[in-house]
Amino acid sequence: PEKPRERSGMSNQIIQGILLGGYYALIACGLSFMFSVMRIINLAHGSLAVFAAFALWWLASRFHVSPFVGLLIVLPLMAAIGWALQRFLLERSARGGALLPILTTFGLAIVIDNMLFEQFGADTRSLAPYIGSLSYDSWEWPGSIYVGKLAVIMFATSVILLGGLQLFLTRTRLGRSIRATSEDPDTAGLVGVDARRANAIAASIAMVTVGLAGAFLGMRATFDPYAGAPQLLFAFEAAVIGGAGSLWGTLIGGMALALAQALGAQVHPQGFLIGGHAVFLVVLFVRLSTSSLGLRGLLRLPSRSAS
């Protein structure tokens, strides 16, 4: 009686945590990809995801365009933003050392947040009203476990995206050029690789993943102009737990973060966030303790981990 219900409740929490981990992996994908191939920690990552969510909401509310159809417009826009971001900001700031690109993206995040606030105000928005019953439809599994259709779509999207990026980096000429540029741009240039072009394409790809993450953010929850910081935090924690720069590690890190949050919520009402932060801090401490290079060793992982 009680024990079967407890086991069912625990199984439900684990399944929901795994599916939520798909969203965390999706939003961390662009952050991890950009670091693995460009050695840049993009602090505007969360703000750009919120920007994509607002762009989809604007198309849906003003022109009655489905968010899924709107992605055909927003994703190319995000790719163009990534290209411009690399060519006009990150490439130039990288010449000033490793710290300057971080400060540049931090300033960019502030600009985006305040621009969105000025344009849309402080009200929360959501894409859920524009996707019909998908926002709340679910499948019933044995044991009275209900699995949301949107959550399954997010998880499947993250697996397909991460798998696609892995194949792209390992099986295509352009992907190998991007990896070579991340290892040693000068040597890559000697064999005919255009490092500027490779980095610009990598930034465009990263921004496309950010656009997808922003779309699912708007579909599964509400957002406002300043919602980027929490999304950046979740992305950073998932990336570090899985290993910064590792694509499949990002999926594992996202699921570990979500499971910790789900189990923490069972212990205490405030344990949802505390559980995730605790696991992140433990993993961070272990990585720093076992790395002979400290924080530098934690971050400067070889780009082969992305393949």
C-alpha atoms as a PDB file:
ATOM      1  CA  PRO A   1       0.000   0.000   0.000  1.00  0.00           C
ATOM      2  CA  GLU A   2       2.233   2.803   1.245  1.00  0.00           C
ATOM      3  CA  LYS A   3       5.515   1.336   0.013  1.00  0.00           C
ATOM      4  CA  PRO A   4       4.345   0.770  -3.576  1.00  0.00           C
ATOM      5  CA  ARG A   5       3.077   4.341  -3.668  1.00  0.00           C
ATOM      6  CA  GLU A   6       6.413   5.581  -2.294  1.00  0.00           C
ATOM      7  CA  ARG A   7       8.325   3.566  -4.894  1.00  0.00           C
ATOM      8  CA  SER A   8       6.045   4.875  -7.624  1.00  0.00           C
ATOM      9  CA  GLY A   9       6.551   8.437  -6.405  1.00  0.00           C
ATOM     10  CA  MET A  10      10.329   7.998  -6.359  1.00  0.00           C
ATOM     11  CA  SER A  11      10.310   6.466  -9.846  1.00  0.00           C
ATOM     12  CA  ASN A  12       8.242   9.383 -11.078  1.00  0.00           C
ATOM     13  CA  GLN A  13      10.711  11.890  -9.595  1.00  0.00           C
ATOM     14  CA  ILE A  14      13.651  10.116 -11.235  1.00  0.00           C
ATOM     15  CA  ILE A  15      11.962  10.013 -14.650  1.00  0.00           C
ATOM     16  CA  GLN A  16      10.929  13.661 -14.416  1.00  0.00           C
ATOM     17  CA  GLY A  17      14.464  14.558 -13.339  1.00  0.00           C
ATOM     18  CA  ILE A  18      15.994  12.749 -16.311  1.00  0.00           C
ATOM     19  CA  LEU A  19      13.651  14.522 -18.711  1.00  0.00           C
ATOM     20  CA  LEU A  20      14.367  17.900 -17.106  1.00  0.00           C
ATOM     21  CA  GLY A  21      18.040  17.083 -17.536  1.00  0.00           C
ATOM     22  CA  GLY A  22      17.414  17.103 -21.281  1.00  0.00           C
ATOM     23  CA  TYR A  23      16.476  20.781 -21.066  1.00  0.00           C
ATOM     24  CA  TYR A  24      19.529  21.597 -18.940  1.00  0.00           C
ATOM     25  CA  ALA A  25      21.749  19.760 -21.434  1.00  0.00           C
ATOM     26  CA  LEU A  26      20.107  21.679 -24.276  1.00  0.00           C
ATOM     27  CA  ILE A  27      20.718  25.069 -22.699  1.00  0.00           C
ATOM     28  CA  ALA A  28      24.261  24.081 -21.682  1.00  0.00           C
ATOM     29  CA  CYS A  29      25.104  22.729 -25.146  1.00  0.00           C
ATOM     30  CA  GLY A  30      25.957  26.099 -26.697  1.00  0.00           C
ATOM     31  CA  LEU A  31      27.999  27.161 -23.668  1.00  0.00           C
ATOM     32  CA  SER A  32      29.992  23.928 -23.715  1.00  0.00           C
ATOM     33  CA  PHE A  33      30.414  23.944 -27.498  1.00  0.00           C
ATOM     34  CA  MET A  34      31.662  27.526 -27.591  1.00  0.00           C
ATOM     35  CA  PHE A  35      34.159  26.824 -24.815  1.00  0.00           C
ATOM     36  CA  SER A  36      35.389  23.587 -26.360  1.00  0.00           C
ATOM     37  CA  VAL A  37      36.168  25.100 -29.770  1.00  0.00           C
ATOM     38  CA  MET A  38      36.842  28.764 -28.938  1.00  0.00           C
ATOM     39  CA  ARG A  39      38.014  28.689 -25.295  1.00  0.00           C
ATOM     40  CA  ILE A  40      35.476  31.407 -24.451  1.00  0.00           C
ATOM     41  CA  ILE A  41      33.019  31.393 -21.540  1.00  0.00           C
ATOM     42  CA  ASN A  42      30.020  33.291 -22.882  1.00  0.00           C
ATOM     43  CA  LEU A  43      28.334  35.091 -19.969  1.00  0.00           C
ATOM     44  CA  ALA A  44      25.663  36.429 -22.353  1.00  0.00           C
ATOM     45  CA  HIS A  45      24.524  32.861 -23.020  1.00  0.00           C
ATOM     46  CA  GLY A  46      21.369  33.011 -20.883  1.00  0.00           C
ATOM     47  CA  SER A  47      20.414  36.499 -22.068  1.00  0.00           C
ATOM     48  CA  LEU A  48      20.690  35.412 -25.708  1.00  0.00           C
ATOM     49  CA  ALA A  49      18.398  32.444 -24.986  1.00  0.00           C
ATOM     50  CA  VAL A  50      15.836  34.816 -23.482  1.00  0.00           C
ATOM     51  CA  PHE A  51      16.240  37.083 -26.521  1.00  0.00           C
ATOM     52  CA  ALA A  52      15.332  34.128 -28.765  1.00  0.00           C
ATOM     53  CA  ALA A  53      12.312  33.359 -26.570  1.00  0.00           C
ATOM     54  CA  PHE A  54      11.112  36.958 -26.858  1.00  0.00           C
ATOM     55  CA  ALA A  55      11.617  36.893 -30.634  1.00  0.00           C
ATOM     56  CA  LEU A  56       9.421  33.798 -30.908  1.00  0.00           C
ATOM     57  CA  TRP A  57       6.829  35.335 -28.582  1.00  0.00           C
ATOM     58  CA  TRP A  58       6.752  38.522 -30.667  1.00  0.00           C
ATOM     59  CA  LEU A  59       6.185  36.548 -33.869  1.00  0.00           C
ATOM     60  CA  ALA A  60       3.465  34.469 -32.226  1.00  0.00           C
ATOM     61  CA  SER A  61       1.621  37.336 -30.536  1.00  0.00           C
ATOM     62  CA  ARG A  62       1.793  39.817 -33.400  1.00  0.00           C
ATOM     63  CA  PHE A  63       1.678  37.644 -36.512  1.00  0.00           C
ATOM     64  CA  HIS A  64       0.123  34.449 -35.067  1.00  0.00           C
ATOM     65  CA  VAL A  65       3.138  32.404 -36.111  1.00  0.00           C
ATOM     66  CA  SER A  66       3.521  29.079 -34.325  1.00  0.00           C
ATOM     67  CA  PRO A  67       6.741  28.965 -32.249  1.00  0.00           C
ATOM     68  CA  PHE A  68       7.815  25.885 -34.205  1.00  0.00           C
ATOM     69  CA  VAL A  69       7.390  27.731 -37.490  1.00  0.00           C
ATOM     70  CA  GLY A  70       8.962  30.821 -35.933  1.00  0.00           C
ATOM     71  CA  LEU A  71      12.158  28.820 -35.402  1.00  0.00           C
ATOM     72  CA  LEU A  72      12.651  28.924 -39.172  1.00  0.00           C
ATOM     73  CA  ILE A  73      13.095  32.685 -38.778  1.00  0.00           C
ATOM     74  CA  VAL A  74      14.713  32.923 -35.352  1.00  0.00           C
ATOM     75  CA  LEU A  75      17.395  30.241 -35.780  1.00  0.00           C
ATOM     76  CA  PRO A  76      18.951  31.870 -38.886  1.00  0.00           C
ATOM     77  CA  LEU A  77      18.780  35.171 -36.988  1.00  0.00           C
ATOM     78  CA  MET A  78      20.632  33.625 -34.044  1.00  0.00           C
ATOM     79  CA  ALA A  79      23.228  32.171 -36.429  1.00  0.00           C
ATOM     80  CA  ALA A  80      23.798  35.649 -37.888  1.00  0.00           C
ATOM     81  CA  ILE A  81      24.107  37.083 -34.374  1.00  0.00           C
ATOM     82  CA  GLY A  82      26.705  34.426 -33.533  1.00  0.00           C
ATOM     83  CA  TRP A  83      28.708  35.241 -36.663  1.00  0.00           C
ATOM     84  CA  ALA A  84      28.619  38.982 -35.910  1.00  0.00           C
ATOM     85  CA  LEU A  85      29.405  38.391 -32.235  1.00  0.00           C
ATOM     86  CA  GLN A  86      32.545  36.477 -33.134  1.00  0.00           C
ATOM     87  CA  ARG A  87      33.731  38.789 -35.913  1.00  0.00           C
ATOM     88  CA  PHE A  88      33.146  42.146 -34.230  1.00  0.00           C
ATOM     89  CA  LEU A  89      33.401  41.458 -30.478  1.00  0.00           C
ATOM     90  CA  LEU A  90      34.957  38.178 -29.420  1.00  0.00           C
ATOM     91  CA  GLU A  91      37.700  38.033 -32.042  1.00  0.00           C
ATOM     92  CA  ARG A  92      38.887  41.530 -31.196  1.00  0.00           C
ATOM     93  CA  SER A  93      38.542  41.177 -27.443  1.00  0.00           C
ATOM     94  CA  ALA A  94      40.449  37.858 -27.490  1.00  0.00           C
ATOM     95  CA  ARG A  95      43.553  39.759 -28.562  1.00  0.00           C
ATOM     96  CA  GLY A  96      43.560  41.434 -25.151  1.00  0.00           C
ATOM     97  CA  GLY A  97      43.899  38.185 -23.202  1.00  0.00           C
ATOM     98  CA  ALA A  98      41.621  35.503 -21.762  1.00  0.00           C
ATOM     99  CA  LEU A  99      39.787  37.822 -19.359  1.00  0.00           C
ATOM    100  CA  LEU A 100      38.633  40.448 -21.846  1.00  0.00           C
ATOM    101  CA  PRO A 101      36.182  38.199 -23.782  1.00  0.00           C
ATOM    102  CA  ILE A 102      34.530  37.252 -20.475  1.00  0.00           C
ATOM    103  CA  LEU A 103      34.117  40.912 -19.557  1.00  0.00           C
ATOM    104  CA  THR A 104      32.839  41.622 -23.073  1.00  0.00           C
ATOM    105  CA  THR A 105      30.119  38.977 -22.871  1.00  0.00           C
ATOM    106  CA  PHE A 106      29.219  40.150 -19.356  1.00  0.00           C
ATOM    107  CA  GLY A 107      28.655  43.657 -20.692  1.00  0.00           C
ATOM    108  CA  LEU A 108      26.707  42.241 -23.634  1.00  0.00           C
ATOM    109  CA  ALA A 109      24.406  40.399 -21.231  1.00  0.00           C
ATOM    110  CA  ILE A 110      23.634  43.648 -19.401  1.00  0.00           C
ATOM    111  CA  VAL A 111      22.894  45.413 -22.695  1.00  0.00           C
ATOM    112  CA  ILE A 112      20.557  42.617 -23.880  1.00  0.00           C
ATOM    113  CA  ASP A 113      18.704  42.426 -20.545  1.00  0.00           C
ATOM    114  CA  ASN A 114      18.065  46.152 -20.408  1.00  0.00           C
ATOM    115  CA  MET A 115      17.166  46.338 -24.094  1.00  0.00           C
ATOM    116  CA  LEU A 116      14.531  43.630 -23.591  1.00  0.00           C
ATOM    117  CA  PHE A 117      13.236  45.393 -20.484  1.00  0.00           C
ATOM    118  CA  GLU A 118      12.904  48.685 -22.347  1.00  0.00           C
ATOM    119  CA  GLN A 119      11.115  47.026 -25.264  1.00  0.00           C
ATOM    120  CA  PHE A 120       8.833  44.533 -23.467  1.00  0.00           C
ATOM    121  CA  GLY A 121       8.631  45.758 -19.868  1.00  0.00           C
ATOM    122  CA  ALA A 122       8.873  43.631 -16.737  1.00  0.00           C
ATOM    123  CA  ASP A 123       5.841  41.401 -17.414  1.00  0.00           C
ATOM    124  CA  THR A 124       6.427  37.677 -17.717  1.00  0.00           C
ATOM    125  CA  ARG A 125       5.664  35.955 -21.009  1.00  0.00           C
ATOM    126  CA  SER A 126       5.213  32.362 -22.140  1.00  0.00           C
ATOM    127  CA  LEU A 127       4.992  30.468 -25.412  1.00  0.00           C
ATOM    128  CA  ALA A 128       2.699  27.852 -23.880  1.00  0.00           C
ATOM    129  CA  PRO A 129      -0.543  29.516 -25.134  1.00  0.00           C
ATOM    130  CA  TYR A 130       0.771  29.273 -28.715  1.00  0.00           C
ATOM    131  CA  ILE A 131       1.537  25.533 -28.782  1.00  0.00           C
ATOM    132  CA  GLY A 132      -1.932  24.274 -27.886  1.00  0.00           C
ATOM    133  CA  SER A 133      -2.303  21.237 -25.665  1.00  0.00           C
ATOM    134  CA  LEU A 134       1.350  20.238 -26.099  1.00  0.00           C
ATOM    135  CA  SER A 135       2.239  22.362 -23.070  1.00  0.00           C
ATOM    136  CA  TYR A 136       0.248  20.091 -20.742  1.00  0.00           C
ATOM    137  CA  ASP A 137      -0.415  16.832 -22.640  1.00  0.00           C
ATOM    138  CA  SER A 138       1.202  13.697 -21.248  1.00  0.00           C
ATOM    139  CA  TRP A 139       1.454   9.951 -21.673  1.00  0.00           C
ATOM    140  CA  GLU A 140       0.550   7.581 -18.861  1.00  0.00           C
ATOM    141  CA  TRP A 141       3.128   4.929 -18.113  1.00  0.00           C
ATOM    142  CA  PRO A 142       2.677   1.846 -15.912  1.00  0.00           C
ATOM    143  CA  GLY A 143       2.555   2.678 -12.228  1.00  0.00           C
ATOM    144  CA  SER A 144       0.469   5.832 -12.685  1.00  0.00           C
ATOM    145  CA  ILE A 145       3.473   7.755 -13.993  1.00  0.00           C
ATOM    146  CA  TYR A 146       2.647  10.653 -16.286  1.00  0.00           C
ATOM    147  CA  VAL A 147       5.304  11.858 -18.709  1.00  0.00           C
ATOM    148  CA  GLY A 148       4.837  15.215 -20.414  1.00  0.00           C
ATOM    149  CA  LYS A 149       4.997  15.168 -24.213  1.00  0.00           C
ATOM    150  CA  LEU A 150       6.897  18.457 -24.301  1.00  0.00           C
ATOM    151  CA  ALA A 151       9.462  17.099 -21.829  1.00  0.00           C
ATOM    152  CA  VAL A 152      10.038  14.048 -24.025  1.00  0.00           C
ATOM    153  CA  ILE A 153      10.420  16.252 -27.105  1.00  0.00           C
ATOM    154  CA  MET A 154      12.990  18.405 -25.268  1.00  0.00           C
ATOM    155  CA  PHE A 155      14.962  15.366 -24.162  1.00  0.00           C
ATOM    156  CA  ALA A 156      14.920  13.837 -27.655  1.00  0.00           C
ATOM    157  CA  THR A 157      15.977  17.183 -29.161  1.00  0.00           C
ATOM    158  CA  SER A 158      18.943  17.450 -26.801  1.00  0.00           C
ATOM    159  CA  VAL A 159      20.124  13.906 -27.597  1.00  0.00           C
ATOM    160  CA  ILE A 160      19.752  14.454 -31.353  1.00  0.00           C
ATOM    161  CA  LEU A 161      21.489  17.834 -31.156  1.00  0.00           C
ATOM    162  CA  LEU A 162      24.417  16.568 -29.106  1.00  0.00           C
ATOM    163  CA  GLY A 163      24.772  13.497 -31.302  1.00  0.00           C
ATOM    164  CA  GLY A 164      24.596  15.615 -34.422  1.00  0.00           C
ATOM    165  CA  LEU A 165      27.276  17.985 -33.157  1.00  0.00           C
ATOM    166  CA  GLN A 166      29.524  15.059 -32.283  1.00  0.00           C
ATOM    167  CA  LEU A 167      29.158  13.593 -35.775  1.00  0.00           C
ATOM    168  CA  PHE A 168      29.698  17.038 -37.287  1.00  0.00           C
ATOM    169  CA  LEU A 169      32.961  17.553 -35.380  1.00  0.00           C
ATOM    170  CA  THR A 170      34.330  14.096 -36.112  1.00  0.00           C
ATOM    171  CA  ARG A 171      33.008  13.143 -39.550  1.00  0.00           C
ATOM    172  CA  THR A 172      32.926  16.347 -41.604  1.00  0.00           C
ATOM    173  CA  ARG A 173      35.762  18.379 -43.066  1.00  0.00           C
ATOM    174  CA  LEU A 174      34.400  21.600 -41.589  1.00  0.00           C
ATOM    175  CA  GLY A 175      34.065  19.991 -38.170  1.00  0.00           C
ATOM    176  CA  ARG A 176      37.651  18.778 -38.264  1.00  0.00           C
ATOM    177  CA  SER A 177      38.733  22.275 -39.313  1.00  0.00           C
ATOM    178  CA  ILE A 178      36.964  23.729 -36.286  1.00  0.00           C
ATOM    179  CA  ARG A 179      38.654  21.202 -33.997  1.00  0.00           C
ATOM    180  CA  ALA A 180      42.051  21.921 -35.534  1.00  0.00           C
ATOM    181  CA  THR A 181      41.512  25.652 -35.047  1.00  0.00           C
ATOM    182  CA  SER A 182      40.622  25.132 -31.395  1.00  0.00           C
ATOM    183  CA  GLU A 183      43.826  23.145 -30.856  1.00  0.00           C
ATOM    184  CA  ASP A 184      46.263  25.482 -32.625  1.00  0.00           C
ATOM    185  CA  PRO A 185      44.949  28.166 -35.011  1.00  0.00           C
ATOM    186  CA  ASP A 186      48.424  29.059 -36.283  1.00  0.00           C
ATOM    187  CA  THR A 187      49.304  25.495 -37.244  1.00  0.00           C
ATOM    188  CA  ALA A 188      45.830  24.979 -38.707  1.00  0.00           C
ATOM    189  CA  GLY A 189      46.409  28.023 -40.900  1.00  0.00           C
ATOM    190  CA  LEU A 190      49.579  26.444 -42.307  1.00  0.00           C
ATOM    191  CA  VAL A 191      47.538  23.576 -43.741  1.00  0.00           C
ATOM    192  CA  GLY A 192      44.935  25.847 -45.303  1.00  0.00           C
ATOM    193  CA  VAL A 193      42.347  26.209 -42.521  1.00  0.00           C
ATOM    194  CA  ASP A 194      40.804  29.674 -42.259  1.00  0.00           C
ATOM    195  CA  ALA A 195      40.748  30.151 -38.468  1.00  0.00           C
ATOM    196  CA  ARG A 196      38.536  33.247 -38.611  1.00  0.00           C
ATOM    197  CA  ARG A 197      35.939  31.460 -40.717  1.00  0.00           C
ATOM    198  CA  ALA A 198      36.038  28.344 -38.512  1.00  0.00           C
ATOM    199  CA  ASN A 199      35.506  30.348 -35.327  1.00  0.00           C
ATOM    200  CA  ALA A 200      32.696  32.395 -36.885  1.00  0.00           C
ATOM    201  CA  ILE A 201      30.908  29.215 -37.990  1.00  0.00           C
ATOM    202  CA  ALA A 202      31.399  27.689 -34.533  1.00  0.00           C
ATOM    203  CA  ALA A 203      29.871  30.776 -32.911  1.00  0.00           C
ATOM    204  CA  SER A 204      26.922  30.596 -35.345  1.00  0.00           C
ATOM    205  CA  ILE A 205      26.327  26.941 -34.475  1.00  0.00           C
ATOM    206  CA  ALA A 206      26.487  27.738 -30.759  1.00  0.00           C
ATOM    207  CA  MET A 207      23.902  30.497 -31.183  1.00  0.00           C
ATOM    208  CA  VAL A 208      21.557  28.143 -33.061  1.00  0.00           C
ATOM    209  CA  THR A 209      21.605  25.816 -30.043  1.00  0.00           C
ATOM    210  CA  VAL A 210      20.942  28.839 -27.831  1.00  0.00           C
ATOM    211  CA  GLY A 211      17.921  29.677 -29.993  1.00  0.00           C
ATOM    212  CA  LEU A 212      16.534  26.158 -29.525  1.00  0.00           C
ATOM    213  CA  ALA A 213      17.081  26.397 -25.774  1.00  0.00           C
ATOM    214  CA  GLY A 214      15.262  29.741 -25.695  1.00  0.00           C
ATOM    215  CA  ALA A 215      12.319  28.222 -27.569  1.00  0.00           C
ATOM    216  CA  PHE A 216      11.922  25.401 -25.065  1.00  0.00           C
ATOM    217  CA  LEU A 217      12.426  27.820 -22.175  1.00  0.00           C
ATOM    218  CA  GLY A 218       9.428  29.788 -23.411  1.00  0.00           C
ATOM    219  CA  MET A 219       7.338  26.655 -23.984  1.00  0.00           C
ATOM    220  CA  ARG A 220       7.952  24.984 -20.632  1.00  0.00           C
ATOM    221  CA  ALA A 221       7.944  28.031 -18.338  1.00  0.00           C
ATOM    222  CA  THR A 222       7.533  31.780 -18.147  1.00  0.00           C
ATOM    223  CA  PHE A 223      10.321  34.242 -18.853  1.00  0.00           C
ATOM    224  CA  ASP A 224      11.047  37.929 -18.429  1.00  0.00           C
ATOM    225  CA  PRO A 225      13.836  40.261 -19.584  1.00  0.00           C
ATOM    226  CA  TYR A 226      16.045  39.322 -16.637  1.00  0.00           C
ATOM    227  CA  ALA A 227      15.539  35.545 -16.797  1.00  0.00           C
ATOM    228  CA  GLY A 228      18.902  35.031 -18.482  1.00  0.00           C
ATOM    229  CA  ALA A 229      21.016  34.872 -15.309  1.00  0.00           C
ATOM    230  CA  PRO A 230      19.298  31.768 -13.848  1.00  0.00           C
ATOM    231  CA  GLN A 231      19.523  30.008 -17.228  1.00  0.00           C
ATOM    232  CA  LEU A 232      23.229  30.821 -17.432  1.00  0.00           C
ATOM    233  CA  LEU A 233      23.693  29.386 -13.939  1.00  0.00           C
ATOM    234  CA  PHE A 234      21.935  26.118 -14.836  1.00  0.00           C
ATOM    235  CA  ALA A 235      23.927  25.879 -18.071  1.00  0.00           C
ATOM    236  CA  PHE A 236      27.231  26.514 -16.308  1.00  0.00           C
ATOM    237  CA  GLU A 237      26.493  23.974 -13.561  1.00  0.00           C
ATOM    238  CA  ALA A 238      25.489  21.285 -16.075  1.00  0.00           C
ATOM    239  CA  ALA A 239      28.597  21.958 -18.176  1.00  0.00           C
ATOM    240  CA  VAL A 240      30.958  21.782 -15.197  1.00  0.00           C
ATOM    241  CA  ILE A 241      29.339  18.660 -13.733  1.00  0.00           C
ATOM    242  CA  GLY A 242      29.644  16.903 -17.086  1.00  0.00           C
ATOM    243  CA  GLY A 243      33.078  18.299 -17.866  1.00  0.00           C
ATOM    244  CA  ALA A 244      33.510  21.662 -19.539  1.00  0.00           C
ATOM    245  CA  GLY A 245      33.834  21.185 -23.277  1.00  0.00           C
ATOM    246  CA  SER A 246      32.429  17.640 -23.397  1.00  0.00           C
ATOM    247  CA  LEU A 247      29.216  17.361 -25.428  1.00  0.00           C
ATOM    248  CA  TRP A 248      28.026  13.983 -24.123  1.00  0.00           C
ATOM    249  CA  GLY A 249      29.271  14.996 -20.684  1.00  0.00           C
ATOM    250  CA  THR A 250      26.912  17.962 -20.919  1.00  0.00           C
ATOM    251  CA  LEU A 251      23.949  15.565 -21.221  1.00  0.00           C
ATOM    252  CA  ILE A 252      25.143  13.577 -18.216  1.00  0.00           C
ATOM    253  CA  GLY A 253      25.742  16.790 -16.279  1.00  0.00           C
ATOM    254  CA  GLY A 254      22.269  18.074 -17.107  1.00  0.00           C
ATOM    255  CA  MET A 255      20.624  14.872 -15.914  1.00  0.00           C
ATOM    256  CA  ALA A 256      22.746  14.796 -12.742  1.00  0.00           C
ATOM    257  CA  LEU A 257      21.795  18.405 -11.973  1.00  0.00           C
ATOM    258  CA  ALA A 258      18.089  17.771 -12.573  1.00  0.00           C
ATOM    259  CA  LEU A 259      18.068  14.552 -10.521  1.00  0.00           C
ATOM    260  CA  ALA A 260      19.747  16.346  -7.622  1.00  0.00           C
ATOM    261  CA  GLN A 261      17.094  19.052  -7.807  1.00  0.00           C
ATOM    262  CA  ALA A 262      14.260  16.508  -7.937  1.00  0.00           C
ATOM    263  CA  LEU A 263      15.611  14.537  -4.978  1.00  0.00           C
ATOM    264  CA  GLY A 264      16.307  17.742  -3.052  1.00  0.00           C
ATOM    265  CA  ALA A 265      12.683  18.802  -3.501  1.00  0.00           C
ATOM    266  CA  GLN A 266      11.630  15.549  -1.819  1.00  0.00           C
ATOM    267  CA  VAL A 267      13.685  16.395   1.249  1.00  0.00           C
ATOM    268  CA  HIS A 268      12.635  20.028   1.678  1.00  0.00           C
ATOM    269  CA  PRO A 269      10.412  22.485  -0.200  1.00  0.00           C
ATOM    270  CA  GLN A 270      13.452  24.707  -0.793  1.00  0.00           C
ATOM    271  CA  GLY A 271      15.635  21.759  -1.699  1.00  0.00           C
ATOM    272  CA  PHE A 272      15.012  21.960  -5.454  1.00  0.00           C
ATOM    273  CA  LEU A 273      17.709  24.555  -6.076  1.00  0.00           C
ATOM    274  CA  ILE A 274      19.803  23.670  -3.036  1.00  0.00           C
ATOM    275  CA  GLY A 275      20.187  20.052  -4.181  1.00  0.00           C
ATOM    276  CA  GLY A 276      21.465  21.121  -7.585  1.00  0.00           C
ATOM    277  CA  HIS A 277      23.863  23.692  -6.178  1.00  0.00           C
ATOM    278  CA  ALA A 278      25.179  21.155  -3.650  1.00  0.00           C
ATOM    279  CA  VAL A 279      26.004  18.593  -6.341  1.00  0.00           C
ATOM    280  CA  PHE A 280      27.666  21.294  -8.440  1.00  0.00           C
ATOM    281  CA  LEU A 281      29.835  22.422  -5.528  1.00  0.00           C
ATOM    282  CA  VAL A 282      30.822  18.847  -4.668  1.00  0.00           C
ATOM    283  CA  VAL A 283      31.822  18.102  -8.274  1.00  0.00           C
ATOM    284  CA  LEU A 284      33.649  21.429  -8.504  1.00  0.00           C
ATOM    285  CA  PHE A 285      35.562  20.717  -5.282  1.00  0.00           C
ATOM    286  CA  VAL A 286      36.507  17.209  -6.441  1.00  0.00           C
ATOM    287  CA  ARG A 287      37.692  18.458  -9.830  1.00  0.00           C
ATOM    288  CA  LEU A 288      39.753  21.222  -8.259  1.00  0.00           C
ATOM    289  CA  SER A 289      41.217  18.828  -5.690  1.00  0.00           C
ATOM    290  CA  THR A 290      42.208  16.174  -8.208  1.00  0.00           C
ATOM    291  CA  SER A 291      43.548  18.581 -10.834  1.00  0.00           C
ATOM    292  CA  SER A 292      47.176  19.577 -10.457  1.00  0.00           C
ATOM    293  CA  LEU A 293      46.402  22.822 -12.315  1.00  0.00           C
ATOM    294  CA  GLY A 294      43.524  23.919 -10.065  1.00  0.00           C
ATOM    295  CA  LEU A 295      40.885  26.081 -11.748  1.00  0.00           C
ATOM    296  CA  ARG A 296      42.969  26.311 -14.909  1.00  0.00           C
ATOM    297  CA  GLY A 297      42.966  22.543 -15.140  1.00  0.00           C
ATOM    298  CA  LEU A 298      39.198  22.464 -14.609  1.00  0.00           C
ATOM    299  CA  LEU A 299      38.506  24.774 -17.526  1.00  0.00           C
ATOM    300  CA  ARG A 300      41.296  24.153 -20.011  1.00  0.00           C
ATOM    301  CA  LEU A 301      40.209  20.709 -21.132  1.00  0.00           C
ATOM    302  CA  PRO A 302      41.379  19.458 -24.532  1.00  0.00           C
ATOM    303  CA  SER A 303      38.874  19.968 -27.296  1.00  0.00           C
ATOM    304  CA  ARG A 304      39.061  16.248 -28.171  1.00  0.00           C
ATOM    305  CA  SER A 305      36.616  15.710 -25.306  1.00  0.00           C
ATOM    306  CA  ALA A 306      33.975  17.169 -27.604  1.00  0.00           C
ATOM    307  CA  SER A 307      34.443  14.366 -30.045  1.00  0.00           C
END
